[in-house]
Amino acid sequence: MDEKIVDCPIRDDINAYCSCPKTDCLRHGLCCECIIAHKNKVDDPIIKRFPHCLRDLVKEGMSRVTPEEG
């Protein structure tokens, strides 16, 4: 990881609200890094391609899609 990103000045503030259970992850509290890492998981199920904090929104959106739309 880029040193500038690791020293993110608001990382502690983000960590206070981060819902990810993997607190030992090097990207914990670094939303941009986390989003990129998950987006690049192209072989994983679609839900795993989103960070933990966004999965409830994805599930909600997917439940609203009717078979004709999806």
PDB file of N, CA and C in Angstrom:
ATOM      1  N   MET A   1       0.832  -1.191   0.000  1.00  0.00           N
ATOM      2  CA  MET A   1       0.000   0.000   0.000  1.00  0.00           C
ATOM      3  C   MET A   1       0.866   1.241   0.000  1.00  0.00           C
ATOM      4  N   ASP A   2       0.349   2.265  -0.578  1.00  0.00           N
ATOM      5  CA  ASP A   2       1.030   3.553  -0.637  1.00  0.00           C
ATOM      6  C   ASP A   2       1.088   4.152   0.771  1.00  0.00           C
ATOM      7  N   GLU A   3       2.251   4.624   1.162  1.00  0.00           N
ATOM      8  CA  GLU A   3       2.443   5.179   2.508  1.00  0.00           C
ATOM      9  C   GLU A   3       1.481   6.326   2.798  1.00  0.00           C
ATOM     10  N   LYS A   4       1.170   7.160   1.795  1.00  0.00           N
ATOM     11  CA  LYS A   4       0.251   8.275   1.996  1.00  0.00           C
ATOM     12  C   LYS A   4      -1.142   7.772   2.375  1.00  0.00           C
ATOM     13  N   ILE A   5      -1.541   6.660   1.814  1.00  0.00           N
ATOM     14  CA  ILE A   5      -2.857   6.111   2.122  1.00  0.00           C
ATOM     15  C   ILE A   5      -2.863   5.523   3.533  1.00  0.00           C
ATOM     16  N   VAL A   6      -1.828   4.802   3.894  1.00  0.00           N
ATOM     17  CA  VAL A   6      -1.744   4.201   5.222  1.00  0.00           C
ATOM     18  C   VAL A   6      -1.805   5.269   6.300  1.00  0.00           C
ATOM     19  N   ASP A   7      -1.241   6.443   6.030  1.00  0.00           N
ATOM     20  CA  ASP A   7      -1.252   7.541   6.994  1.00  0.00           C
ATOM     21  C   ASP A   7      -2.453   8.459   6.808  1.00  0.00           C
ATOM     22  N   CYS A   8      -3.568   7.907   6.332  1.00  0.00           N
ATOM     23  CA  CYS A   8      -4.793   8.678   6.111  1.00  0.00           C
ATOM     24  C   CYS A   8      -5.152   9.438   7.395  1.00  0.00           C
ATOM     25  N   PRO A   9      -5.323  10.755   7.322  1.00  0.00           N
ATOM     26  CA  PRO A   9      -5.569  11.545   8.534  1.00  0.00           C
ATOM     27  C   PRO A   9      -6.921  11.273   9.201  1.00  0.00           C
ATOM     28  N   ILE A  10      -7.855  10.676   8.493  1.00  0.00           N
ATOM     29  CA  ILE A  10      -9.158  10.395   9.113  1.00  0.00           C
ATOM     30  C   ILE A  10      -9.399   8.896   9.318  1.00  0.00           C
ATOM     31  N   ARG A  11      -8.341   8.109   9.184  1.00  0.00           N
ATOM     32  CA  ARG A  11      -8.495   6.666   9.330  1.00  0.00           C
ATOM     33  C   ARG A  11      -9.074   6.272  10.682  1.00  0.00           C
ATOM     34  N   ASP A  12      -8.642   6.872  11.744  1.00  0.00           N
ATOM     35  CA  ASP A  12      -9.179   6.545  13.075  1.00  0.00           C
ATOM     36  C   ASP A  12     -10.663   6.872  13.162  1.00  0.00           C
ATOM     37  N   ASP A  13     -11.072   7.989  12.560  1.00  0.00           N
ATOM     38  CA  ASP A  13     -12.489   8.358  12.546  1.00  0.00           C
ATOM     39  C   ASP A  13     -13.301   7.334  11.758  1.00  0.00           C
ATOM     40  N   ILE A  14     -12.772   6.905  10.612  1.00  0.00           N
ATOM     41  CA  ILE A  14     -13.451   5.907   9.791  1.00  0.00           C
ATOM     42  C   ILE A  14     -13.537   4.585  10.539  1.00  0.00           C
ATOM     43  N   ASN A  15     -12.457   4.167  11.160  1.00  0.00           N
ATOM     44  CA  ASN A  15     -12.444   2.903  11.904  1.00  0.00           C
ATOM     45  C   ASN A  15     -13.501   2.878  13.006  1.00  0.00           C
ATOM     46  N   ALA A  16     -13.805   4.018  13.576  1.00  0.00           N
ATOM     47  CA  ALA A  16     -14.802   4.076  14.642  1.00  0.00           C
ATOM     48  C   ALA A  16     -16.185   3.679  14.132  1.00  0.00           C
ATOM     49  N   TYR A  17     -16.429   3.850  12.832  1.00  0.00           N
ATOM     50  CA  TYR A  17     -17.736   3.549  12.253  1.00  0.00           C
ATOM     51  C   TYR A  17     -17.722   2.367  11.291  1.00  0.00           C
ATOM     52  N   CYS A  18     -16.554   1.813  11.024  1.00  0.00           N
ATOM     53  CA  CYS A  18     -16.431   0.724  10.071  1.00  0.00           C
ATOM     54  C   CYS A  18     -17.105  -0.526  10.635  1.00  0.00           C
ATOM     55  N   SER A  19     -17.984  -1.126   9.827  1.00  0.00           N
ATOM     56  CA  SER A  19     -18.724  -2.302  10.297  1.00  0.00           C
ATOM     57  C   SER A  19     -18.032  -3.618   9.952  1.00  0.00           C
ATOM     58  N   CYS A  20     -16.899  -3.557   9.289  1.00  0.00           N
ATOM     59  CA  CYS A  20     -16.211  -4.775   8.888  1.00  0.00           C
ATOM     60  C   CYS A  20     -15.668  -5.515  10.119  1.00  0.00           C
ATOM     61  N   PRO A  21     -15.950  -6.814  10.201  1.00  0.00           N
ATOM     62  CA  PRO A  21     -15.465  -7.573  11.351  1.00  0.00           C
ATOM     63  C   PRO A  21     -13.969  -7.899  11.285  1.00  0.00           C
ATOM     64  N   LYS A  22     -13.343  -7.683  10.135  1.00  0.00           N
ATOM     65  CA  LYS A  22     -11.925  -8.018   9.973  1.00  0.00           C
ATOM     66  C   LYS A  22     -11.052  -6.829  10.385  1.00  0.00           C
ATOM     67  N   THR A  23     -11.011  -6.573  11.680  1.00  0.00           N
ATOM     68  CA  THR A  23     -10.277  -5.419  12.191  1.00  0.00           C
ATOM     69  C   THR A  23      -8.764  -5.552  12.039  1.00  0.00           C
ATOM     70  N   ASP A  24      -8.280  -6.767  11.768  1.00  0.00           N
ATOM     71  CA  ASP A  24      -6.844  -6.959  11.582  1.00  0.00           C
ATOM     72  C   ASP A  24      -6.429  -6.748  10.116  1.00  0.00           C
ATOM     73  N   CYS A  25      -7.377  -6.452   9.242  1.00  0.00           N
ATOM     74  CA  CYS A  25      -7.089  -6.214   7.824  1.00  0.00           C
ATOM     75  C   CYS A  25      -6.289  -4.919   7.667  1.00  0.00           C
ATOM     76  N   LEU A  26      -5.282  -4.955   6.819  1.00  0.00           N
ATOM     77  CA  LEU A  26      -4.458  -3.768   6.591  1.00  0.00           C
ATOM     78  C   LEU A  26      -5.249  -2.624   5.966  1.00  0.00           C
ATOM     79  N   ARG A  27      -6.377  -2.939   5.325  1.00  0.00           N
ATOM     80  CA  ARG A  27      -7.194  -1.909   4.678  1.00  0.00           C
ATOM     81  C   ARG A  27      -8.307  -1.387   5.581  1.00  0.00           C
ATOM     82  N   HIS A  28      -8.444  -1.912   6.787  1.00  0.00           N
ATOM     83  CA  HIS A  28      -9.518  -1.486   7.691  1.00  0.00           C
ATOM     84  C   HIS A  28      -9.409   0.014   7.937  1.00  0.00           C
ATOM     85  N   GLY A  29     -10.471   0.722   7.611  1.00  0.00           N
ATOM     86  CA  GLY A  29     -10.470   2.177   7.772  1.00  0.00           C
ATOM     87  C   GLY A  29      -9.933   2.922   6.565  1.00  0.00           C
ATOM     88  N   LEU A  30      -9.575   2.209   5.526  1.00  0.00           N
ATOM     89  CA  LEU A  30      -9.087   2.820   4.286  1.00  0.00           C
ATOM     90  C   LEU A  30     -10.092   2.469   3.187  1.00  0.00           C
ATOM     91  N   CYS A  31     -11.195   3.188   3.169  1.00  0.00           N
ATOM     92  CA  CYS A  31     -12.315   2.840   2.302  1.00  0.00           C
ATOM     93  C   CYS A  31     -11.917   2.690   0.837  1.00  0.00           C
ATOM     94  N   CYS A  32     -11.124   3.595   0.318  1.00  0.00           N
ATOM     95  CA  CYS A  32     -10.728   3.521  -1.097  1.00  0.00           C
ATOM     96  C   CYS A  32      -9.986   2.227  -1.391  1.00  0.00           C
ATOM     97  N   GLU A  33      -9.057   1.864  -0.534  1.00  0.00           N
ATOM     98  CA  GLU A  33      -8.304   0.624  -0.723  1.00  0.00           C
ATOM     99  C   GLU A  33      -9.212  -0.595  -0.613  1.00  0.00           C
ATOM    100  N   CYS A  34     -10.131  -0.556   0.314  1.00  0.00           N
ATOM    101  CA  CYS A  34     -11.057  -1.668   0.523  1.00  0.00           C
ATOM    102  C   CYS A  34     -11.966  -1.846  -0.697  1.00  0.00           C
ATOM    103  N   ILE A  35     -12.513  -0.764  -1.198  1.00  0.00           N
ATOM    104  CA  ILE A  35     -13.400  -0.829  -2.363  1.00  0.00           C
ATOM    105  C   ILE A  35     -12.662  -1.402  -3.563  1.00  0.00           C
ATOM    106  N   ILE A  36     -11.448  -0.948  -3.801  1.00  0.00           N
ATOM    107  CA  ILE A  36     -10.662  -1.443  -4.937  1.00  0.00           C
ATOM    108  C   ILE A  36     -10.381  -2.938  -4.779  1.00  0.00           C
ATOM    109  N   ALA A  37      -9.988  -3.341  -3.585  1.00  0.00           N
ATOM    110  CA  ALA A  37      -9.671  -4.758  -3.345  1.00  0.00           C
ATOM    111  C   ALA A  37     -10.893  -5.642  -3.586  1.00  0.00           C
ATOM    112  N   HIS A  38     -12.046  -5.219  -3.103  1.00  0.00           N
ATOM    113  CA  HIS A  38     -13.252  -6.021  -3.297  1.00  0.00           C
ATOM    114  C   HIS A  38     -13.720  -6.003  -4.744  1.00  0.00           C
ATOM    115  N   LYS A  39     -13.632  -4.868  -5.386  1.00  0.00           N
ATOM    116  CA  LYS A  39     -14.064  -4.765  -6.781  1.00  0.00           C
ATOM    117  C   LYS A  39     -13.244  -5.697  -7.676  1.00  0.00           C
ATOM    118  N   ASN A  40     -12.003  -5.903  -7.327  1.00  0.00           N
ATOM    119  CA  ASN A  40     -11.115  -6.749  -8.131  1.00  0.00           C
ATOM    120  C   ASN A  40     -11.294  -8.241  -7.881  1.00  0.00           C
ATOM    121  N   LYS A  41     -12.202  -8.631  -7.000  1.00  0.00           N
ATOM    122  CA  LYS A  41     -12.459 -10.051  -6.734  1.00  0.00           C
ATOM    123  C   LYS A  41     -13.438 -10.590  -7.778  1.00  0.00           C
ATOM    124  N   VAL A  42     -13.024 -10.581  -9.027  1.00  0.00           N
ATOM    125  CA  VAL A  42     -13.915 -10.902 -10.139  1.00  0.00           C
ATOM    126  C   VAL A  42     -14.392 -12.356 -10.152  1.00  0.00           C
ATOM    127  N   ASP A  43     -13.713 -13.252  -9.495  1.00  0.00           N
ATOM    128  CA  ASP A  43     -14.119 -14.657  -9.480  1.00  0.00           C
ATOM    129  C   ASP A  43     -15.011 -15.002  -8.295  1.00  0.00           C
ATOM    130  N   ASP A  44     -15.245 -14.049  -7.423  1.00  0.00           N
ATOM    131  CA  ASP A  44     -16.093 -14.272  -6.251  1.00  0.00           C
ATOM    132  C   ASP A  44     -17.552 -13.945  -6.568  1.00  0.00           C
ATOM    133  N   PRO A  45     -18.477 -14.435  -5.741  1.00  0.00           N
ATOM    134  CA  PRO A  45     -19.886 -14.068  -5.922  1.00  0.00           C
ATOM    135  C   PRO A  45     -20.046 -12.542  -5.858  1.00  0.00           C
ATOM    136  N   ILE A  46     -21.075 -12.029  -6.519  1.00  0.00           N
ATOM    137  CA  ILE A  46     -21.260 -10.574  -6.616  1.00  0.00           C
ATOM    138  C   ILE A  46     -21.279  -9.895  -5.248  1.00  0.00           C
ATOM    139  N   ILE A  47     -21.876 -10.505  -4.253  1.00  0.00           N
ATOM    140  CA  ILE A  47     -21.966  -9.876  -2.933  1.00  0.00           C
ATOM    141  C   ILE A  47     -20.585  -9.665  -2.318  1.00  0.00           C
ATOM    142  N   LYS A  48     -19.644 -10.556  -2.590  1.00  0.00           N
ATOM    143  CA  LYS A  48     -18.288 -10.429  -2.040  1.00  0.00           C
ATOM    144  C   LYS A  48     -17.467  -9.382  -2.788  1.00  0.00           C
ATOM    145  N   ARG A  49     -17.993  -8.887  -3.891  1.00  0.00           N
ATOM    146  CA  ARG A  49     -17.302  -7.843  -4.645  1.00  0.00           C
ATOM    147  C   ARG A  49     -17.605  -6.460  -4.079  1.00  0.00           C
ATOM    148  N   PHE A  50     -18.363  -6.434  -2.980  1.00  0.00           N
ATOM    149  CA  PHE A  50     -18.660  -5.195  -2.276  1.00  0.00           C
ATOM    150  C   PHE A  50     -18.102  -5.295  -0.867  1.00  0.00           C
ATOM    151  N   PRO A  51     -17.577  -4.200  -0.322  1.00  0.00           N
ATOM    152  CA  PRO A  51     -17.097  -4.220   1.060  1.00  0.00           C
ATOM    153  C   PRO A  51     -18.239  -4.551   2.026  1.00  0.00           C
ATOM    154  N   HIS A  52     -17.880  -5.053   3.167  1.00  0.00           N
ATOM    155  CA  HIS A  52     -18.847  -5.448   4.193  1.00  0.00           C
ATOM    156  C   HIS A  52     -19.849  -4.334   4.480  1.00  0.00           C
ATOM    157  N   CYS A  53     -19.394  -3.106   4.525  1.00  0.00           N
ATOM    158  CA  CYS A  53     -20.264  -1.980   4.896  1.00  0.00           C
ATOM    159  C   CYS A  53     -21.347  -1.692   3.858  1.00  0.00           C
ATOM    160  N   LEU A  54     -21.193  -2.192   2.638  1.00  0.00           N
ATOM    161  CA  LEU A  54     -22.172  -1.929   1.583  1.00  0.00           C
ATOM    162  C   LEU A  54     -23.061  -3.126   1.272  1.00  0.00           C
ATOM    163  N   ARG A  55     -22.801  -4.248   1.864  1.00  0.00           N
ATOM    164  CA  ARG A  55     -23.520  -5.477   1.498  1.00  0.00           C
ATOM    165  C   ARG A  55     -25.002  -5.430   1.824  1.00  0.00           C
ATOM    166  N   ASP A  56     -25.393  -4.808   2.916  1.00  0.00           N
ATOM    167  CA  ASP A  56     -26.824  -4.705   3.218  1.00  0.00           C
ATOM    168  C   ASP A  56     -27.546  -3.898   2.145  1.00  0.00           C
ATOM    169  N   LEU A  57     -26.917  -2.825   1.670  1.00  0.00           N
ATOM    170  CA  LEU A  57     -27.522  -2.029   0.602  1.00  0.00           C
ATOM    171  C   LEU A  57     -27.636  -2.824  -0.692  1.00  0.00           C
ATOM    172  N   VAL A  58     -26.622  -3.614  -0.997  1.00  0.00           N
ATOM    173  CA  VAL A  58     -26.647  -4.449  -2.201  1.00  0.00           C
ATOM    174  C   VAL A  58     -27.770  -5.476  -2.093  1.00  0.00           C
ATOM    175  N   LYS A  59     -27.862  -6.143  -0.950  1.00  0.00           N
ATOM    176  CA  LYS A  59     -28.921  -7.142  -0.751  1.00  0.00           C
ATOM    177  C   LYS A  59     -30.303  -6.502  -0.878  1.00  0.00           C
ATOM    178  N   GLU A  60     -30.462  -5.319  -0.309  1.00  0.00           N
ATOM    179  CA  GLU A  60     -31.737  -4.612  -0.396  1.00  0.00           C
ATOM    180  C   GLU A  60     -32.065  -4.290  -1.855  1.00  0.00           C
ATOM    181  N   GLY A  61     -31.091  -3.796  -2.581  1.00  0.00           N
ATOM    182  CA  GLY A  61     -31.299  -3.475  -3.986  1.00  0.00           C
ATOM    183  C   GLY A  61     -31.612  -4.711  -4.819  1.00  0.00           C
ATOM    184  N   MET A  62     -30.925  -5.796  -4.530  1.00  0.00           N
ATOM    185  CA  MET A  62     -31.155  -7.039  -5.278  1.00  0.00           C
ATOM    186  C   MET A  62     -32.533  -7.609  -4.983  1.00  0.00           C
ATOM    187  N   SER A  63     -33.030  -7.411  -3.793  1.00  0.00           N
ATOM    188  CA  SER A  63     -34.358  -7.936  -3.444  1.00  0.00           C
ATOM    189  C   SER A  63     -35.463  -7.154  -4.122  1.00  0.00           C
ATOM    190  N   ARG A  64     -35.191  -5.955  -4.546  1.00  0.00           N
ATOM    191  CA  ARG A  64     -36.196  -5.112  -5.207  1.00  0.00           C
ATOM    192  C   ARG A  64     -36.272  -5.362  -6.708  1.00  0.00           C
ATOM    193  N   VAL A  65     -35.288  -6.053  -7.244  1.00  0.00           N
ATOM    194  CA  VAL A  65     -35.265  -6.326  -8.679  1.00  0.00           C
ATOM    195  C   VAL A  65     -36.187  -7.504  -8.978  1.00  0.00           C
ATOM    196  N   THR A  66     -37.113  -7.291  -9.869  1.00  0.00           N
ATOM    197  CA  THR A  66     -38.016  -8.370 -10.253  1.00  0.00           C
ATOM    198  C   THR A  66     -37.338  -9.194 -11.349  1.00  0.00           C
ATOM    199  N   PRO A  67     -37.743 -10.448 -11.544  1.00  0.00           N
ATOM    200  CA  PRO A  67     -37.118 -11.284 -12.574  1.00  0.00           C
ATOM    201  C   PRO A  67     -37.121 -10.634 -13.955  1.00  0.00           C
ATOM    202  N   GLU A  68     -38.145  -9.837 -14.269  1.00  0.00           N
ATOM    203  CA  GLU A  68     -38.197  -9.182 -15.570  1.00  0.00           C
ATOM    204  C   GLU A  68     -37.109  -8.125 -15.706  1.00  0.00           C
ATOM    205  N   GLU A  69     -36.735  -7.481 -14.592  1.00  0.00           N
ATOM    206  CA  GLU A  69     -35.722  -6.429 -14.610  1.00  0.00           C
ATOM    207  C   GLU A  69     -34.310  -7.005 -14.587  1.00  0.00           C
ATOM    208  N   GLY A  70     -34.122  -8.084 -13.852  1.00  0.00           N
ATOM    209  CA  GLY A  70     -32.804  -8.601 -13.582  1.00  0.00           C
ATOM    210  C   GLY A  70     -32.322  -9.496 -14.625  1.00  0.00           C
TER     211      GLY A  70
END
